[in-house]
N, C-alpha and C. Protein backbone atom coordinates (compact mmCIF):
# COMPACT_ATOMS: atom_id res chain seq x y z
N MET A 1 -9.48 -49.23 -46.92
CA MET A 1 -10.28 -49.50 -45.74
C MET A 1 -9.78 -48.64 -44.59
N GLY A 2 -10.73 -48.05 -43.85
CA GLY A 2 -10.40 -47.16 -42.77
C GLY A 2 -10.07 -47.89 -41.48
N GLU A 3 -9.59 -47.12 -40.52
CA GLU A 3 -9.25 -47.66 -39.21
C GLU A 3 -10.21 -47.11 -38.16
N ILE A 4 -10.54 -47.95 -37.19
CA ILE A 4 -11.33 -47.54 -36.04
C ILE A 4 -10.32 -47.20 -34.94
N LEU A 5 -10.32 -45.95 -34.50
CA LEU A 5 -9.32 -45.49 -33.54
C LEU A 5 -9.97 -44.83 -32.33
N LYS A 6 -9.27 -44.84 -31.22
CA LYS A 6 -9.63 -44.06 -30.04
C LYS A 6 -9.30 -42.60 -30.34
N LEU A 7 -9.94 -41.68 -29.63
CA LEU A 7 -9.74 -40.27 -29.90
C LEU A 7 -8.27 -39.87 -29.83
N GLN A 8 -7.55 -40.31 -28.83
CA GLN A 8 -6.14 -39.93 -28.70
C GLN A 8 -5.32 -40.36 -29.93
N ASP A 9 -5.63 -41.54 -30.45
CA ASP A 9 -4.92 -42.02 -31.65
C ASP A 9 -5.31 -41.20 -32.88
N VAL A 10 -6.58 -40.82 -32.98
CA VAL A 10 -7.01 -39.96 -34.09
C VAL A 10 -6.28 -38.62 -34.03
N LEU A 11 -6.14 -38.08 -32.83
CA LEU A 11 -5.46 -36.79 -32.68
C LEU A 11 -4.01 -36.87 -33.15
N GLU A 12 -3.34 -37.97 -32.88
CA GLU A 12 -1.97 -38.15 -33.35
C GLU A 12 -1.91 -38.23 -34.87
N VAL A 13 -2.86 -38.95 -35.47
CA VAL A 13 -2.93 -39.06 -36.92
C VAL A 13 -3.19 -37.69 -37.54
N VAL A 14 -4.15 -36.97 -36.97
CA VAL A 14 -4.50 -35.64 -37.49
C VAL A 14 -3.29 -34.72 -37.42
N SER A 15 -2.56 -34.74 -36.33
CA SER A 15 -1.37 -33.90 -36.18
C SER A 15 -0.36 -34.20 -37.28
N ALA A 16 -0.13 -35.48 -37.53
CA ALA A 16 0.82 -35.87 -38.58
C ALA A 16 0.34 -35.45 -39.97
N LEU A 17 -0.95 -35.63 -40.23
CA LEU A 17 -1.50 -35.27 -41.54
C LEU A 17 -1.44 -33.76 -41.76
N LYS A 18 -1.78 -32.99 -40.73
CA LYS A 18 -1.73 -31.54 -40.85
C LYS A 18 -0.29 -31.06 -41.06
N ALA A 19 0.66 -31.72 -40.44
CA ALA A 19 2.08 -31.37 -40.63
C ALA A 19 2.50 -31.57 -42.08
N GLU A 20 1.83 -32.49 -42.77
CA GLU A 20 2.10 -32.74 -44.19
C GLU A 20 1.27 -31.83 -45.10
N GLY A 21 0.45 -30.95 -44.52
CA GLY A 21 -0.36 -30.03 -45.30
C GLY A 21 -1.65 -30.65 -45.82
N LYS A 22 -2.06 -31.76 -45.26
CA LYS A 22 -3.28 -32.45 -45.71
C LYS A 22 -4.53 -31.77 -45.16
N THR A 23 -5.61 -31.87 -45.91
CA THR A 23 -6.91 -31.32 -45.51
C THR A 23 -7.71 -32.40 -44.79
N ILE A 24 -8.13 -32.07 -43.55
CA ILE A 24 -8.89 -33.01 -42.72
C ILE A 24 -10.37 -32.69 -42.83
N VAL A 25 -11.15 -33.70 -43.19
CA VAL A 25 -12.61 -33.58 -43.30
C VAL A 25 -13.23 -34.49 -42.24
N THR A 26 -14.24 -33.97 -41.56
CA THR A 26 -14.99 -34.78 -40.61
C THR A 26 -16.46 -34.77 -40.96
N THR A 27 -17.15 -35.78 -40.49
CA THR A 27 -18.61 -35.81 -40.48
C THR A 27 -18.99 -36.63 -39.28
N ASN A 28 -20.26 -36.66 -38.98
CA ASN A 28 -20.72 -37.44 -37.84
C ASN A 28 -22.12 -37.96 -38.07
N GLY A 29 -22.47 -38.98 -37.29
CA GLY A 29 -23.81 -39.52 -37.37
C GLY A 29 -23.91 -40.87 -36.70
N CYS A 30 -25.12 -41.41 -36.76
CA CYS A 30 -25.42 -42.71 -36.15
C CYS A 30 -25.10 -43.86 -37.11
N PHE A 31 -25.40 -43.69 -38.39
CA PHE A 31 -25.14 -44.69 -39.42
C PHE A 31 -25.62 -46.07 -38.95
N ASP A 32 -26.88 -46.13 -38.50
CA ASP A 32 -27.43 -47.35 -37.91
C ASP A 32 -27.64 -48.46 -38.93
N ILE A 33 -28.25 -48.14 -40.05
CA ILE A 33 -28.39 -49.09 -41.15
C ILE A 33 -27.78 -48.42 -42.37
N LEU A 34 -26.66 -48.91 -42.82
CA LEU A 34 -25.97 -48.30 -43.96
C LEU A 34 -26.81 -48.48 -45.22
N HIS A 35 -26.99 -47.39 -45.97
CA HIS A 35 -27.76 -47.44 -47.21
C HIS A 35 -27.06 -46.58 -48.27
N ALA A 36 -27.60 -46.60 -49.47
CA ALA A 36 -26.98 -45.90 -50.60
C ALA A 36 -26.81 -44.41 -50.33
N GLY A 37 -27.73 -43.80 -49.62
CA GLY A 37 -27.61 -42.38 -49.29
C GLY A 37 -26.37 -42.12 -48.46
N HIS A 38 -26.10 -42.99 -47.47
CA HIS A 38 -24.89 -42.85 -46.65
C HIS A 38 -23.63 -43.00 -47.52
N VAL A 39 -23.63 -44.00 -48.37
CA VAL A 39 -22.44 -44.28 -49.19
C VAL A 39 -22.13 -43.09 -50.10
N ARG A 40 -23.14 -42.54 -50.74
CA ARG A 40 -22.94 -41.38 -51.62
C ARG A 40 -22.48 -40.16 -50.82
N TYR A 41 -23.10 -39.96 -49.67
CA TYR A 41 -22.76 -38.84 -48.80
C TYR A 41 -21.29 -38.91 -48.37
N LEU A 42 -20.86 -40.07 -47.91
CA LEU A 42 -19.48 -40.23 -47.45
C LEU A 42 -18.49 -40.10 -48.60
N LYS A 43 -18.84 -40.59 -49.76
CA LYS A 43 -17.98 -40.44 -50.95
C LYS A 43 -17.81 -38.96 -51.30
N ASN A 44 -18.91 -38.21 -51.25
CA ASN A 44 -18.85 -36.78 -51.54
C ASN A 44 -18.07 -36.02 -50.46
N ALA A 45 -18.20 -36.44 -49.21
CA ALA A 45 -17.45 -35.81 -48.13
C ALA A 45 -15.96 -36.04 -48.32
N LYS A 46 -15.58 -37.24 -48.64
CA LYS A 46 -14.17 -37.58 -48.84
C LYS A 46 -13.55 -36.74 -49.97
N ALA A 47 -14.35 -36.46 -50.99
CA ALA A 47 -13.84 -35.70 -52.14
C ALA A 47 -13.44 -34.27 -51.78
N LEU A 48 -13.84 -33.80 -50.60
CA LEU A 48 -13.54 -32.43 -50.17
C LEU A 48 -12.15 -32.28 -49.55
N GLY A 49 -11.47 -33.40 -49.28
CA GLY A 49 -10.17 -33.29 -48.63
C GLY A 49 -9.33 -34.53 -48.80
N ASP A 50 -8.30 -34.63 -47.97
CA ASP A 50 -7.36 -35.74 -48.06
C ASP A 50 -7.70 -36.91 -47.15
N ALA A 51 -8.28 -36.62 -45.98
CA ALA A 51 -8.61 -37.67 -45.02
C ALA A 51 -10.00 -37.41 -44.46
N LEU A 52 -10.83 -38.45 -44.46
CA LEU A 52 -12.19 -38.35 -43.90
C LEU A 52 -12.25 -39.11 -42.59
N ILE A 53 -12.65 -38.40 -41.54
CA ILE A 53 -12.85 -38.99 -40.22
C ILE A 53 -14.34 -38.98 -39.93
N VAL A 54 -14.90 -40.15 -39.69
CA VAL A 54 -16.31 -40.26 -39.31
C VAL A 54 -16.38 -40.36 -37.79
N CYS A 55 -17.06 -39.39 -37.19
CA CYS A 55 -17.31 -39.39 -35.74
C CYS A 55 -18.66 -40.08 -35.54
N LEU A 56 -18.62 -41.27 -34.97
CA LEU A 56 -19.79 -42.15 -34.87
C LEU A 56 -20.40 -42.07 -33.48
N ASN A 57 -21.71 -41.81 -33.42
CA ASN A 57 -22.40 -41.79 -32.14
C ASN A 57 -22.34 -43.15 -31.47
N SER A 58 -22.03 -43.15 -30.16
CA SER A 58 -22.04 -44.38 -29.38
C SER A 58 -23.47 -44.91 -29.26
N ASP A 59 -23.59 -46.15 -28.81
CA ASP A 59 -24.92 -46.73 -28.61
C ASP A 59 -25.74 -45.88 -27.64
N ALA A 60 -25.13 -45.44 -26.55
CA ALA A 60 -25.85 -44.65 -25.54
C ALA A 60 -26.36 -43.34 -26.14
N SER A 61 -25.54 -42.67 -26.94
CA SER A 61 -25.99 -41.40 -27.52
C SER A 61 -27.07 -41.63 -28.57
N VAL A 62 -27.01 -42.72 -29.33
CA VAL A 62 -28.06 -43.02 -30.30
C VAL A 62 -29.39 -43.24 -29.57
N LYS A 63 -29.37 -43.96 -28.46
CA LYS A 63 -30.59 -44.18 -27.67
C LYS A 63 -31.18 -42.85 -27.21
N ARG A 64 -30.35 -41.95 -26.74
CA ARG A 64 -30.84 -40.64 -26.28
C ARG A 64 -31.42 -39.83 -27.44
N LEU A 65 -30.80 -39.92 -28.61
CA LEU A 65 -31.23 -39.12 -29.75
C LEU A 65 -32.39 -39.74 -30.52
N LYS A 66 -32.40 -41.06 -30.66
CA LYS A 66 -33.35 -41.74 -31.54
C LYS A 66 -34.42 -42.54 -30.81
N GLY A 67 -34.21 -42.81 -29.52
CA GLY A 67 -35.20 -43.58 -28.76
C GLY A 67 -34.67 -44.93 -28.33
N GLN A 68 -35.39 -45.56 -27.41
CA GLN A 68 -34.94 -46.80 -26.78
C GLN A 68 -34.81 -47.99 -27.75
N ASP A 69 -35.49 -47.94 -28.89
CA ASP A 69 -35.41 -49.05 -29.86
C ASP A 69 -34.19 -48.94 -30.77
N ARG A 70 -33.41 -47.91 -30.61
CA ARG A 70 -32.24 -47.71 -31.45
C ARG A 70 -30.99 -47.70 -30.59
N PRO A 71 -29.85 -47.99 -31.11
CA PRO A 71 -29.60 -48.39 -32.50
C PRO A 71 -30.00 -49.85 -32.73
N LEU A 72 -30.19 -50.18 -33.97
CA LEU A 72 -30.47 -51.56 -34.34
C LEU A 72 -29.17 -52.36 -34.40
N ASN A 73 -28.10 -51.70 -34.75
CA ASN A 73 -26.78 -52.33 -34.81
C ASN A 73 -25.87 -51.67 -33.77
N CYS A 74 -25.11 -52.46 -33.05
CA CYS A 74 -24.26 -51.92 -31.99
C CYS A 74 -23.12 -51.09 -32.58
N GLU A 75 -22.52 -50.25 -31.73
CA GLU A 75 -21.48 -49.33 -32.21
C GLU A 75 -20.29 -50.03 -32.83
N ALA A 76 -19.92 -51.19 -32.29
CA ALA A 76 -18.78 -51.92 -32.87
C ALA A 76 -19.10 -52.37 -34.29
N ASP A 77 -20.32 -52.86 -34.51
CA ASP A 77 -20.72 -53.29 -35.86
C ASP A 77 -20.85 -52.11 -36.80
N ARG A 78 -21.45 -51.01 -36.32
CA ARG A 78 -21.58 -49.82 -37.16
C ARG A 78 -20.22 -49.27 -37.55
N ALA A 79 -19.29 -49.24 -36.59
CA ALA A 79 -17.94 -48.75 -36.88
C ALA A 79 -17.24 -49.65 -37.90
N GLU A 80 -17.40 -50.96 -37.76
CA GLU A 80 -16.77 -51.89 -38.70
C GLU A 80 -17.30 -51.69 -40.12
N VAL A 81 -18.61 -51.53 -40.25
CA VAL A 81 -19.22 -51.35 -41.57
C VAL A 81 -18.75 -50.03 -42.19
N ILE A 82 -18.83 -48.94 -41.43
CA ILE A 82 -18.43 -47.63 -41.95
C ILE A 82 -16.94 -47.62 -42.32
N SER A 83 -16.11 -48.22 -41.48
CA SER A 83 -14.67 -48.21 -41.75
C SER A 83 -14.30 -49.03 -42.97
N SER A 84 -15.18 -49.92 -43.40
CA SER A 84 -14.88 -50.76 -44.56
C SER A 84 -15.06 -50.02 -45.89
N LEU A 85 -15.67 -48.86 -45.86
CA LEU A 85 -15.89 -48.10 -47.08
C LEU A 85 -14.60 -47.44 -47.56
N ALA A 86 -14.38 -47.44 -48.84
CA ALA A 86 -13.16 -46.85 -49.42
C ALA A 86 -13.04 -45.37 -49.12
N SER A 87 -14.15 -44.68 -48.96
CA SER A 87 -14.12 -43.24 -48.72
C SER A 87 -13.76 -42.86 -47.29
N VAL A 88 -13.82 -43.79 -46.36
CA VAL A 88 -13.60 -43.49 -44.95
C VAL A 88 -12.18 -43.89 -44.55
N ASP A 89 -11.45 -42.92 -43.97
CA ASP A 89 -10.09 -43.19 -43.53
C ASP A 89 -10.04 -43.59 -42.06
N TYR A 90 -10.85 -42.93 -41.23
CA TYR A 90 -10.82 -43.21 -39.79
C TYR A 90 -12.22 -43.07 -39.21
N VAL A 91 -12.49 -43.87 -38.18
CA VAL A 91 -13.74 -43.80 -37.43
C VAL A 91 -13.37 -43.64 -35.97
N VAL A 92 -14.04 -42.71 -35.30
CA VAL A 92 -13.87 -42.52 -33.86
C VAL A 92 -15.27 -42.47 -33.25
N ILE A 93 -15.48 -43.20 -32.18
CA ILE A 93 -16.79 -43.25 -31.52
C ILE A 93 -16.80 -42.21 -30.40
N PHE A 94 -17.90 -41.46 -30.31
CA PHE A 94 -18.04 -40.47 -29.24
C PHE A 94 -19.37 -40.69 -28.52
N GLY A 95 -19.41 -40.32 -27.24
CA GLY A 95 -20.56 -40.64 -26.41
C GLY A 95 -21.51 -39.49 -26.13
N GLU A 96 -21.16 -38.27 -26.54
CA GLU A 96 -22.02 -37.13 -26.30
C GLU A 96 -23.14 -37.08 -27.34
N ASP A 97 -24.12 -36.20 -27.11
CA ASP A 97 -25.22 -36.07 -28.06
C ASP A 97 -24.82 -35.32 -29.32
N THR A 98 -23.82 -34.46 -29.22
CA THR A 98 -23.30 -33.77 -30.40
C THR A 98 -21.79 -34.04 -30.47
N PRO A 99 -21.21 -33.89 -31.64
CA PRO A 99 -19.77 -34.14 -31.78
C PRO A 99 -18.92 -32.93 -31.41
N SER A 100 -19.51 -31.91 -30.83
CA SER A 100 -18.77 -30.67 -30.57
C SER A 100 -17.47 -30.90 -29.80
N GLY A 101 -17.51 -31.73 -28.76
CA GLY A 101 -16.32 -31.98 -27.95
C GLY A 101 -15.20 -32.64 -28.73
N VAL A 102 -15.53 -33.65 -29.51
CA VAL A 102 -14.51 -34.36 -30.29
C VAL A 102 -14.00 -33.46 -31.42
N LEU A 103 -14.88 -32.66 -32.00
CA LEU A 103 -14.46 -31.76 -33.08
C LEU A 103 -13.59 -30.62 -32.54
N GLU A 104 -13.83 -30.21 -31.32
CA GLU A 104 -12.99 -29.20 -30.67
C GLU A 104 -11.55 -29.70 -30.58
N ARG A 105 -11.39 -30.97 -30.40
CA ARG A 105 -10.04 -31.55 -30.28
C ARG A 105 -9.42 -31.85 -31.65
N ILE A 106 -10.23 -32.35 -32.59
CA ILE A 106 -9.72 -32.69 -33.93
C ILE A 106 -9.41 -31.43 -34.74
N LYS A 107 -10.24 -30.42 -34.62
CA LYS A 107 -10.10 -29.17 -35.38
C LYS A 107 -9.98 -29.42 -36.89
N PRO A 108 -11.02 -30.01 -37.48
CA PRO A 108 -10.96 -30.30 -38.92
C PRO A 108 -10.95 -29.03 -39.75
N ASP A 109 -10.43 -29.16 -40.95
CA ASP A 109 -10.48 -28.05 -41.90
C ASP A 109 -11.89 -27.86 -42.42
N ILE A 110 -12.58 -29.00 -42.62
CA ILE A 110 -13.94 -28.98 -43.16
C ILE A 110 -14.78 -29.99 -42.37
N HIS A 111 -15.96 -29.57 -41.95
CA HIS A 111 -16.92 -30.48 -41.33
C HIS A 111 -18.13 -30.55 -42.25
N VAL A 112 -18.60 -31.76 -42.52
CA VAL A 112 -19.66 -31.99 -43.49
C VAL A 112 -20.91 -32.53 -42.80
N LYS A 113 -22.06 -32.02 -43.21
CA LYS A 113 -23.34 -32.54 -42.75
C LYS A 113 -24.28 -32.61 -43.94
N GLY A 114 -25.37 -33.34 -43.75
CA GLY A 114 -26.38 -33.48 -44.79
C GLY A 114 -27.15 -32.19 -45.01
N GLY A 115 -27.74 -32.07 -46.17
CA GLY A 115 -28.48 -30.88 -46.55
C GLY A 115 -29.74 -30.61 -45.75
N ASP A 116 -30.09 -31.53 -44.85
CA ASP A 116 -31.25 -31.28 -43.98
C ASP A 116 -30.87 -30.39 -42.80
N TYR A 117 -29.60 -30.00 -42.69
CA TYR A 117 -29.13 -29.08 -41.66
C TYR A 117 -28.77 -27.75 -42.29
N SER A 118 -28.61 -26.74 -41.46
CA SER A 118 -28.08 -25.44 -41.86
C SER A 118 -27.12 -25.02 -40.76
N GLU A 119 -26.33 -23.99 -41.01
CA GLU A 119 -25.40 -23.53 -39.97
C GLU A 119 -26.14 -23.14 -38.70
N GLU A 120 -27.35 -22.62 -38.85
CA GLU A 120 -28.12 -22.18 -37.70
C GLU A 120 -28.63 -23.36 -36.86
N THR A 121 -28.85 -24.51 -37.48
CA THR A 121 -29.39 -25.67 -36.75
C THR A 121 -28.32 -26.69 -36.37
N LEU A 122 -27.08 -26.40 -36.71
CA LEU A 122 -26.00 -27.35 -36.47
C LEU A 122 -25.22 -26.93 -35.23
N PRO A 123 -25.36 -27.67 -34.11
CA PRO A 123 -24.72 -27.27 -32.86
C PRO A 123 -23.20 -27.13 -32.96
N GLU A 124 -22.56 -27.95 -33.78
CA GLU A 124 -21.11 -27.93 -33.86
C GLU A 124 -20.55 -26.86 -34.81
N ALA A 125 -21.40 -26.15 -35.52
CA ALA A 125 -20.93 -25.16 -36.50
C ALA A 125 -20.04 -24.11 -35.84
N SER A 126 -20.41 -23.62 -34.67
CA SER A 126 -19.61 -22.58 -34.01
C SER A 126 -18.24 -23.11 -33.59
N VAL A 127 -18.16 -24.39 -33.22
CA VAL A 127 -16.89 -25.00 -32.84
C VAL A 127 -15.95 -25.05 -34.06
N ILE A 128 -16.48 -25.44 -35.19
CA ILE A 128 -15.69 -25.55 -36.42
C ILE A 128 -15.17 -24.17 -36.82
N LYS A 129 -16.05 -23.19 -36.82
CA LYS A 129 -15.68 -21.84 -37.26
C LYS A 129 -14.71 -21.18 -36.29
N ALA A 130 -14.79 -21.52 -35.00
CA ALA A 130 -13.94 -20.89 -33.99
C ALA A 130 -12.46 -21.14 -34.24
N HIS A 131 -12.13 -22.26 -34.88
CA HIS A 131 -10.71 -22.54 -35.16
C HIS A 131 -10.38 -22.37 -36.64
N GLY A 132 -11.26 -21.68 -37.39
CA GLY A 132 -10.97 -21.36 -38.78
C GLY A 132 -11.42 -22.38 -39.79
N GLY A 133 -12.14 -23.40 -39.36
CA GLY A 133 -12.65 -24.41 -40.28
C GLY A 133 -13.92 -23.95 -40.98
N SER A 134 -14.36 -24.73 -41.94
CA SER A 134 -15.61 -24.41 -42.64
C SER A 134 -16.58 -25.58 -42.55
N VAL A 135 -17.86 -25.26 -42.71
CA VAL A 135 -18.92 -26.26 -42.68
C VAL A 135 -19.50 -26.34 -44.09
N LYS A 136 -19.60 -27.55 -44.61
CA LYS A 136 -20.17 -27.78 -45.94
C LYS A 136 -21.39 -28.69 -45.79
N PHE A 137 -22.38 -28.47 -46.64
CA PHE A 137 -23.60 -29.26 -46.61
C PHE A 137 -23.75 -30.01 -47.92
N ILE A 138 -24.00 -31.31 -47.81
CA ILE A 138 -24.15 -32.16 -48.99
C ILE A 138 -25.62 -32.56 -49.10
N PRO A 139 -26.22 -32.34 -50.28
CA PRO A 139 -27.63 -32.71 -50.45
C PRO A 139 -27.84 -34.21 -50.18
N LEU A 140 -28.96 -34.50 -49.54
CA LEU A 140 -29.29 -35.90 -49.25
C LEU A 140 -29.92 -36.54 -50.48
N VAL A 141 -29.83 -37.86 -50.56
CA VAL A 141 -30.46 -38.61 -51.63
C VAL A 141 -31.93 -38.80 -51.25
N GLU A 142 -32.82 -38.33 -52.08
CA GLU A 142 -34.26 -38.38 -51.81
C GLU A 142 -34.73 -39.80 -51.47
N GLY A 143 -35.48 -39.90 -50.39
CA GLY A 143 -36.08 -41.17 -50.01
C GLY A 143 -35.15 -42.17 -49.34
N ARG A 144 -33.89 -41.80 -49.13
CA ARG A 144 -32.94 -42.71 -48.51
C ARG A 144 -32.70 -42.28 -47.06
N SER A 145 -33.23 -43.04 -46.12
CA SER A 145 -32.97 -42.76 -44.72
C SER A 145 -33.18 -44.02 -43.91
N THR A 146 -32.49 -44.10 -42.80
CA THR A 146 -32.64 -45.25 -41.91
C THR A 146 -34.07 -45.33 -41.39
N THR A 147 -34.65 -44.19 -41.04
CA THR A 147 -36.03 -44.18 -40.54
C THR A 147 -36.98 -44.73 -41.59
N ASN A 148 -36.81 -44.35 -42.86
CA ASN A 148 -37.66 -44.89 -43.93
C ASN A 148 -37.51 -46.40 -44.05
N ILE A 149 -36.29 -46.89 -43.92
CA ILE A 149 -36.05 -48.33 -44.01
C ILE A 149 -36.74 -49.04 -42.84
N ILE A 150 -36.59 -48.52 -41.65
CA ILE A 150 -37.23 -49.13 -40.47
C ILE A 150 -38.74 -49.12 -40.62
N ASN A 151 -39.30 -48.02 -41.08
CA ASN A 151 -40.75 -47.94 -41.28
C ASN A 151 -41.25 -48.94 -42.33
N LYS A 152 -40.48 -49.11 -43.38
CA LYS A 152 -40.85 -50.06 -44.43
C LYS A 152 -40.85 -51.49 -43.89
N ILE A 153 -39.83 -51.82 -43.11
CA ILE A 153 -39.75 -53.15 -42.51
C ILE A 153 -40.90 -53.36 -41.53
N SER A 154 -41.22 -52.35 -40.74
CA SER A 154 -42.30 -52.45 -39.75
C SER A 154 -43.64 -52.70 -40.43
N LYS A 155 -43.88 -52.05 -41.57
CA LYS A 155 -45.13 -52.22 -42.31
C LYS A 155 -45.26 -53.61 -42.92
N SER A 156 -44.12 -54.26 -43.20
CA SER A 156 -44.16 -55.58 -43.83
C SER A 156 -44.47 -56.70 -42.83
N ASP A 157 -44.40 -56.36 -41.52
CA ASP A 157 -44.74 -57.38 -40.50
C ASP A 157 -46.16 -57.63 -40.55
């Protein structure tokens, strides 16, 4: 089970892990309603290194990105659910619209995003590459998305 940490605490953990030669993997997202696609994605991300840090969008940033009706679950609940997964080592909440600032400080070896992105469409890609890290893309599970789940629930009303 992972830990939910403040950025400063994550930075201390990362420093210690890097001193041991460990590979740091990061990913980010809203993770509003956890589904099988998220679980598979995070498991695959973890397999790329020694420690997986999930940078979780704050409630305010989810509202800006997804609209006033989101998130459905508050950041504390989303962090608790994500941190309970065996594949997740640490969760850090960030308030910006992109994780570029937090990733600039963490300096992961590998940053992972879903296959619906490319290096050209990923704002944080340049931050990762600037310190020698790499960006990897994991294919998404067809038909698995929070938006699809919300739409399905809305239609059942």
